[in-house]
Amino acid sequence: MTDFSLLVTAGPQRPGALTALRTARALQNSPYSLYRLFFYGDGVLLAQRLLNTDGGADDTARAWQQWVRDTAPPASVCVGAAYKRGVTEETLAGGFRLVGLGDWVDALNHGGRVVHFG
């Protein structure tokens, strides 16, 4: 079985954020395995439970948050990128966790495939 890790750098207002969610959902319903989701750059805003963007972007972030809550994939949020954008432990949506870049290095070393959504 092939493992996939998804790197999401697209913020909630970018089409790549929704494409990444659709890909993650498809992987969960396939013979492939989702090893890790890693949110970096503006992608960390998808994990912010206190949304303050326009309606369409809010919908994308809410969809991500509900999916992570419902399916409990390994949803890692880069702590440095998060703090830079005002996302803290207190504002993080359920199911996401703040981690260092070491988690991303682990995903890269784990093997399988990496897909980037920016």
N, C-alpha and C. Protein backbone atom coordinates (compact mmCIF):
# COMPACT_ATOMS: atom_id res chain seq x y z
N MET A 1 0.84 -1.17 0.00
CA MET A 1 0.00 0.00 0.00
C MET A 1 0.90 1.24 0.00
N THR A 2 0.54 2.22 -0.79
CA THR A 2 1.30 3.46 -0.87
C THR A 2 0.76 4.47 0.13
N ASP A 3 1.67 5.07 0.88
CA ASP A 3 1.30 6.13 1.82
C ASP A 3 1.44 7.47 1.12
N PHE A 4 0.54 8.38 1.42
CA PHE A 4 0.60 9.74 0.92
C PHE A 4 0.71 10.70 2.09
N SER A 5 1.49 11.76 1.90
CA SER A 5 1.52 12.89 2.81
C SER A 5 1.13 14.11 2.00
N LEU A 6 0.27 14.94 2.56
CA LEU A 6 -0.18 16.14 1.86
C LEU A 6 0.36 17.37 2.57
N LEU A 7 1.01 18.23 1.80
CA LEU A 7 1.51 19.51 2.30
C LEU A 7 0.54 20.58 1.81
N VAL A 8 -0.12 21.25 2.74
CA VAL A 8 -1.12 22.27 2.39
C VAL A 8 -0.58 23.63 2.79
N THR A 9 -0.22 24.43 1.78
CA THR A 9 0.24 25.80 2.03
C THR A 9 -0.77 26.82 1.53
N ALA A 10 -1.83 26.37 0.89
CA ALA A 10 -2.88 27.26 0.39
C ALA A 10 -3.76 27.69 1.55
N GLY A 11 -3.97 28.99 1.67
CA GLY A 11 -4.87 29.52 2.69
C GLY A 11 -6.31 29.27 2.31
N PRO A 12 -7.25 29.57 3.20
CA PRO A 12 -8.66 29.27 2.96
C PRO A 12 -9.25 29.96 1.75
N GLN A 13 -8.67 31.06 1.32
CA GLN A 13 -9.19 31.80 0.18
C GLN A 13 -8.68 31.27 -1.17
N ARG A 14 -7.75 30.32 -1.15
CA ARG A 14 -7.14 29.81 -2.38
C ARG A 14 -7.80 28.50 -2.81
N PRO A 15 -7.97 28.29 -4.13
CA PRO A 15 -8.59 27.06 -4.61
C PRO A 15 -7.84 25.79 -4.20
N GLY A 16 -6.53 25.89 -4.00
CA GLY A 16 -5.74 24.73 -3.61
C GLY A 16 -6.16 24.14 -2.27
N ALA A 17 -6.72 24.96 -1.39
CA ALA A 17 -7.17 24.47 -0.08
C ALA A 17 -8.33 23.50 -0.24
N LEU A 18 -9.25 23.83 -1.11
CA LEU A 18 -10.40 22.95 -1.35
C LEU A 18 -9.98 21.71 -2.14
N THR A 19 -9.07 21.87 -3.08
CA THR A 19 -8.56 20.72 -3.83
C THR A 19 -7.83 19.75 -2.90
N ALA A 20 -7.08 20.28 -1.95
CA ALA A 20 -6.39 19.44 -0.97
C ALA A 20 -7.39 18.65 -0.13
N LEU A 21 -8.47 19.29 0.28
CA LEU A 21 -9.50 18.60 1.06
C LEU A 21 -10.14 17.49 0.25
N ARG A 22 -10.46 17.76 -0.99
CA ARG A 22 -11.05 16.73 -1.85
C ARG A 22 -10.09 15.56 -2.04
N THR A 23 -8.81 15.85 -2.16
CA THR A 23 -7.81 14.79 -2.31
C THR A 23 -7.70 13.97 -1.03
N ALA A 24 -7.68 14.63 0.11
CA ALA A 24 -7.60 13.92 1.39
C ALA A 24 -8.81 13.01 1.57
N ARG A 25 -9.99 13.50 1.23
CA ARG A 25 -11.21 12.68 1.32
C ARG A 25 -11.11 11.47 0.39
N ALA A 26 -10.63 11.70 -0.81
CA ALA A 26 -10.51 10.61 -1.78
C ALA A 26 -9.52 9.54 -1.30
N LEU A 27 -8.43 9.97 -0.70
CA LEU A 27 -7.45 9.02 -0.18
C LEU A 27 -8.03 8.15 0.92
N GLN A 28 -8.89 8.73 1.75
CA GLN A 28 -9.49 7.97 2.84
C GLN A 28 -10.45 6.90 2.32
N ASN A 29 -10.97 7.10 1.12
CA ASN A 29 -11.91 6.15 0.52
C ASN A 29 -11.27 5.39 -0.63
N SER A 30 -9.99 5.07 -0.48
CA SER A 30 -9.25 4.39 -1.54
C SER A 30 -8.36 3.32 -0.91
N PRO A 31 -7.71 2.54 -1.74
CA PRO A 31 -6.78 1.55 -1.19
C PRO A 31 -5.46 2.16 -0.68
N TYR A 32 -5.31 3.48 -0.82
CA TYR A 32 -4.10 4.17 -0.37
C TYR A 32 -4.26 4.63 1.06
N SER A 33 -3.15 5.00 1.67
CA SER A 33 -3.15 5.42 3.06
C SER A 33 -2.70 6.88 3.15
N LEU A 34 -3.36 7.64 4.00
CA LEU A 34 -2.96 9.02 4.28
C LEU A 34 -2.07 9.00 5.51
N TYR A 35 -0.78 9.22 5.29
CA TYR A 35 0.18 9.17 6.40
C TYR A 35 0.12 10.44 7.25
N ARG A 36 0.13 11.60 6.59
CA ARG A 36 0.12 12.85 7.34
C ARG A 36 -0.39 14.00 6.49
N LEU A 37 -1.13 14.88 7.14
CA LEU A 37 -1.47 16.20 6.60
C LEU A 37 -0.56 17.18 7.31
N PHE A 38 0.08 18.06 6.56
CA PHE A 38 0.95 19.05 7.18
C PHE A 38 0.55 20.42 6.64
N PHE A 39 0.13 21.29 7.54
CA PHE A 39 -0.31 22.63 7.18
C PHE A 39 0.82 23.60 7.47
N TYR A 40 1.18 24.39 6.44
CA TYR A 40 2.32 25.29 6.54
C TYR A 40 1.97 26.57 5.80
N GLY A 41 2.67 27.65 6.09
CA GLY A 41 2.38 28.92 5.43
C GLY A 41 0.94 29.33 5.73
N ASP A 42 0.26 29.89 4.74
CA ASP A 42 -1.12 30.32 4.94
C ASP A 42 -2.07 29.14 5.15
N GLY A 43 -1.61 27.93 4.87
CA GLY A 43 -2.43 26.75 5.11
C GLY A 43 -2.79 26.57 6.58
N VAL A 44 -1.98 27.13 7.49
CA VAL A 44 -2.28 27.00 8.92
C VAL A 44 -3.60 27.69 9.27
N LEU A 45 -4.03 28.65 8.45
CA LEU A 45 -5.28 29.36 8.73
C LEU A 45 -6.49 28.45 8.60
N LEU A 46 -6.34 27.32 7.92
CA LEU A 46 -7.43 26.35 7.81
C LEU A 46 -7.72 25.71 9.16
N ALA A 47 -6.76 25.73 10.07
CA ALA A 47 -6.91 25.11 11.38
C ALA A 47 -7.34 26.10 12.45
N GLN A 48 -7.54 27.35 12.09
CA GLN A 48 -7.94 28.38 13.05
C GLN A 48 -9.44 28.31 13.28
N ARG A 49 -9.82 28.06 14.52
CA ARG A 49 -11.25 27.94 14.79
C ARG A 49 -11.94 29.29 14.81
N LEU A 50 -11.23 30.37 15.05
CA LEU A 50 -11.79 31.71 15.03
C LEU A 50 -11.60 32.28 13.63
N LEU A 51 -12.60 32.12 12.80
CA LEU A 51 -12.48 32.53 11.40
C LEU A 51 -12.82 34.00 11.24
N ASN A 52 -12.08 34.67 10.37
CA ASN A 52 -12.32 36.09 10.14
C ASN A 52 -12.07 36.47 8.69
N THR A 53 -12.46 35.58 7.78
CA THR A 53 -12.27 35.84 6.35
C THR A 53 -13.63 35.96 5.68
N ASP A 54 -13.64 36.10 4.36
CA ASP A 54 -14.93 36.20 3.67
C ASP A 54 -15.66 34.86 3.68
N GLY A 55 -16.94 34.87 3.30
CA GLY A 55 -17.79 33.69 3.39
C GLY A 55 -17.26 32.45 2.72
N GLY A 56 -16.76 32.55 1.49
CA GLY A 56 -16.27 31.37 0.79
C GLY A 56 -15.07 30.75 1.48
N ALA A 57 -14.16 31.58 1.96
CA ALA A 57 -12.98 31.08 2.66
C ALA A 57 -13.38 30.45 3.99
N ASP A 58 -14.35 31.07 4.68
CA ASP A 58 -14.85 30.49 5.93
C ASP A 58 -15.41 29.10 5.68
N ASP A 59 -16.14 28.93 4.57
CA ASP A 59 -16.72 27.63 4.24
C ASP A 59 -15.63 26.58 4.04
N THR A 60 -14.56 26.95 3.36
CA THR A 60 -13.46 26.01 3.12
C THR A 60 -12.80 25.61 4.44
N ALA A 61 -12.52 26.58 5.30
CA ALA A 61 -11.90 26.29 6.60
C ALA A 61 -12.83 25.43 7.45
N ARG A 62 -14.12 25.75 7.46
CA ARG A 62 -15.08 24.95 8.24
C ARG A 62 -15.15 23.52 7.72
N ALA A 63 -15.12 23.37 6.40
CA ALA A 63 -15.16 22.02 5.82
C ALA A 63 -13.94 21.21 6.24
N TRP A 64 -12.76 21.84 6.21
CA TRP A 64 -11.55 21.17 6.67
C TRP A 64 -11.69 20.76 8.14
N GLN A 65 -12.14 21.69 8.96
CA GLN A 65 -12.23 21.45 10.39
C GLN A 65 -13.23 20.34 10.71
N GLN A 66 -14.34 20.33 10.03
CA GLN A 66 -15.32 19.27 10.26
C GLN A 66 -14.77 17.92 9.82
N TRP A 67 -14.11 17.88 8.66
CA TRP A 67 -13.55 16.62 8.17
C TRP A 67 -12.48 16.09 9.13
N VAL A 68 -11.59 16.96 9.61
CA VAL A 68 -10.56 16.54 10.55
C VAL A 68 -11.21 16.03 11.85
N ARG A 69 -12.22 16.74 12.34
CA ARG A 69 -12.92 16.31 13.55
C ARG A 69 -13.58 14.95 13.36
N ASP A 70 -14.21 14.74 12.20
CA ASP A 70 -14.97 13.51 11.95
C ASP A 70 -14.09 12.30 11.66
N THR A 71 -12.94 12.51 11.00
CA THR A 71 -12.14 11.37 10.54
C THR A 71 -10.84 11.18 11.31
N ALA A 72 -10.42 12.17 12.05
CA ALA A 72 -9.21 12.12 12.88
C ALA A 72 -7.95 11.69 12.14
N PRO A 73 -7.66 12.33 10.98
CA PRO A 73 -6.39 12.03 10.33
C PRO A 73 -5.25 12.71 11.09
N PRO A 74 -4.00 12.35 10.83
CA PRO A 74 -2.88 13.05 11.48
C PRO A 74 -2.73 14.45 10.87
N ALA A 75 -3.34 15.45 11.51
CA ALA A 75 -3.39 16.82 10.98
C ALA A 75 -2.41 17.70 11.77
N SER A 76 -1.23 17.88 11.21
CA SER A 76 -0.16 18.62 11.87
C SER A 76 -0.10 20.05 11.33
N VAL A 77 0.06 21.00 12.24
CA VAL A 77 0.14 22.42 11.89
C VAL A 77 1.49 22.93 12.36
N CYS A 78 2.26 23.50 11.45
CA CYS A 78 3.58 24.02 11.80
C CYS A 78 3.44 25.15 12.83
N VAL A 79 4.06 24.96 13.98
CA VAL A 79 3.93 25.90 15.08
C VAL A 79 4.51 27.28 14.72
N GLY A 80 5.63 27.32 14.02
CA GLY A 80 6.23 28.60 13.66
C GLY A 80 5.35 29.40 12.71
N ALA A 81 4.84 28.74 11.68
CA ALA A 81 3.95 29.40 10.72
C ALA A 81 2.64 29.80 11.39
N ALA A 82 2.17 28.98 12.32
CA ALA A 82 0.92 29.27 13.01
C ALA A 82 1.06 30.52 13.88
N TYR A 83 2.10 30.56 14.72
CA TYR A 83 2.28 31.71 15.60
C TYR A 83 2.46 33.00 14.81
N LYS A 84 3.14 32.90 13.68
CA LYS A 84 3.35 34.08 12.83
C LYS A 84 2.03 34.64 12.32
N ARG A 85 1.01 33.78 12.20
CA ARG A 85 -0.29 34.18 11.67
C ARG A 85 -1.37 34.28 12.75
N GLY A 86 -0.95 34.24 14.01
CA GLY A 86 -1.90 34.41 15.10
C GLY A 86 -2.68 33.17 15.49
N VAL A 87 -2.27 32.02 15.00
CA VAL A 87 -2.92 30.76 15.37
C VAL A 87 -2.14 30.19 16.55
N THR A 88 -2.83 30.01 17.66
CA THR A 88 -2.21 29.50 18.87
C THR A 88 -2.95 28.25 19.32
N GLU A 89 -2.46 27.63 20.37
CA GLU A 89 -3.12 26.45 20.94
C GLU A 89 -4.57 26.77 21.30
N GLU A 90 -4.80 27.98 21.78
CA GLU A 90 -6.15 28.39 22.20
C GLU A 90 -7.10 28.60 21.01
N THR A 91 -6.57 28.94 19.85
CA THR A 91 -7.42 29.21 18.69
C THR A 91 -7.44 28.07 17.69
N LEU A 92 -6.73 26.98 18.00
CA LEU A 92 -6.65 25.84 17.09
C LEU A 92 -7.94 25.03 17.15
N ALA A 93 -8.45 24.66 15.99
CA ALA A 93 -9.67 23.84 15.92
C ALA A 93 -9.36 22.42 16.40
N GLY A 94 -10.38 21.74 16.87
CA GLY A 94 -10.23 20.38 17.36
C GLY A 94 -9.69 19.43 16.30
N GLY A 95 -8.82 18.52 16.71
CA GLY A 95 -8.27 17.53 15.80
C GLY A 95 -6.93 17.91 15.19
N PHE A 96 -6.62 19.20 15.19
CA PHE A 96 -5.33 19.68 14.68
C PHE A 96 -4.36 19.75 15.85
N ARG A 97 -3.06 19.62 15.54
CA ARG A 97 -2.07 19.78 16.60
C ARG A 97 -0.89 20.58 16.09
N LEU A 98 -0.36 21.42 16.95
CA LEU A 98 0.82 22.21 16.62
C LEU A 98 2.06 21.35 16.76
N VAL A 99 2.91 21.38 15.74
CA VAL A 99 4.12 20.56 15.73
C VAL A 99 5.27 21.36 15.11
N GLY A 100 6.45 20.85 15.27
CA GLY A 100 7.62 21.43 14.62
C GLY A 100 7.82 20.83 13.24
N LEU A 101 8.80 21.35 12.52
CA LEU A 101 9.08 20.84 11.18
C LEU A 101 9.58 19.40 11.18
N GLY A 102 9.97 18.90 12.32
CA GLY A 102 10.39 17.51 12.42
C GLY A 102 9.31 16.54 11.98
N ASP A 103 8.04 16.90 12.21
CA ASP A 103 6.94 16.05 11.76
C ASP A 103 6.90 15.98 10.23
N TRP A 104 7.22 17.10 9.58
CA TRP A 104 7.24 17.08 8.12
C TRP A 104 8.43 16.27 7.61
N VAL A 105 9.56 16.39 8.26
CA VAL A 105 10.73 15.59 7.89
C VAL A 105 10.40 14.10 8.03
N ASP A 106 9.70 13.75 9.10
CA ASP A 106 9.27 12.36 9.29
C ASP A 106 8.39 11.91 8.11
N ALA A 107 7.48 12.75 7.68
CA ALA A 107 6.61 12.40 6.56
C ALA A 107 7.43 12.20 5.28
N LEU A 108 8.42 13.04 5.08
CA LEU A 108 9.27 12.90 3.89
C LEU A 108 10.11 11.63 3.94
N ASN A 109 10.58 11.27 5.12
CA ASN A 109 11.40 10.08 5.28
C ASN A 109 10.60 8.79 5.31
N HIS A 110 9.32 8.91 5.56
CA HIS A 110 8.48 7.73 5.69
C HIS A 110 8.33 6.98 4.36
N GLY A 111 8.53 7.68 3.29
CA GLY A 111 8.38 7.04 1.98
C GLY A 111 7.03 7.35 1.39
N GLY A 112 6.70 6.72 0.32
CA GLY A 112 5.42 6.97 -0.32
C GLY A 112 5.47 8.21 -1.18
N ARG A 113 4.35 8.89 -1.24
CA ARG A 113 4.19 10.05 -2.11
C ARG A 113 3.88 11.31 -1.31
N VAL A 114 4.35 12.43 -1.84
CA VAL A 114 4.06 13.74 -1.26
C VAL A 114 3.36 14.57 -2.32
N VAL A 115 2.25 15.19 -1.92
CA VAL A 115 1.52 16.08 -2.82
C VAL A 115 1.40 17.43 -2.14
N HIS A 116 1.76 18.48 -2.87
CA HIS A 116 1.75 19.86 -2.33
C HIS A 116 0.60 20.62 -2.94
N PHE A 117 -0.16 21.30 -2.09
CA PHE A 117 -1.26 22.16 -2.53
C PHE A 117 -0.97 23.58 -2.06
N GLY A 118 -0.63 24.44 -3.01
CA GLY A 118 -0.25 25.80 -2.66
C GLY A 118 -1.13 26.84 -3.23
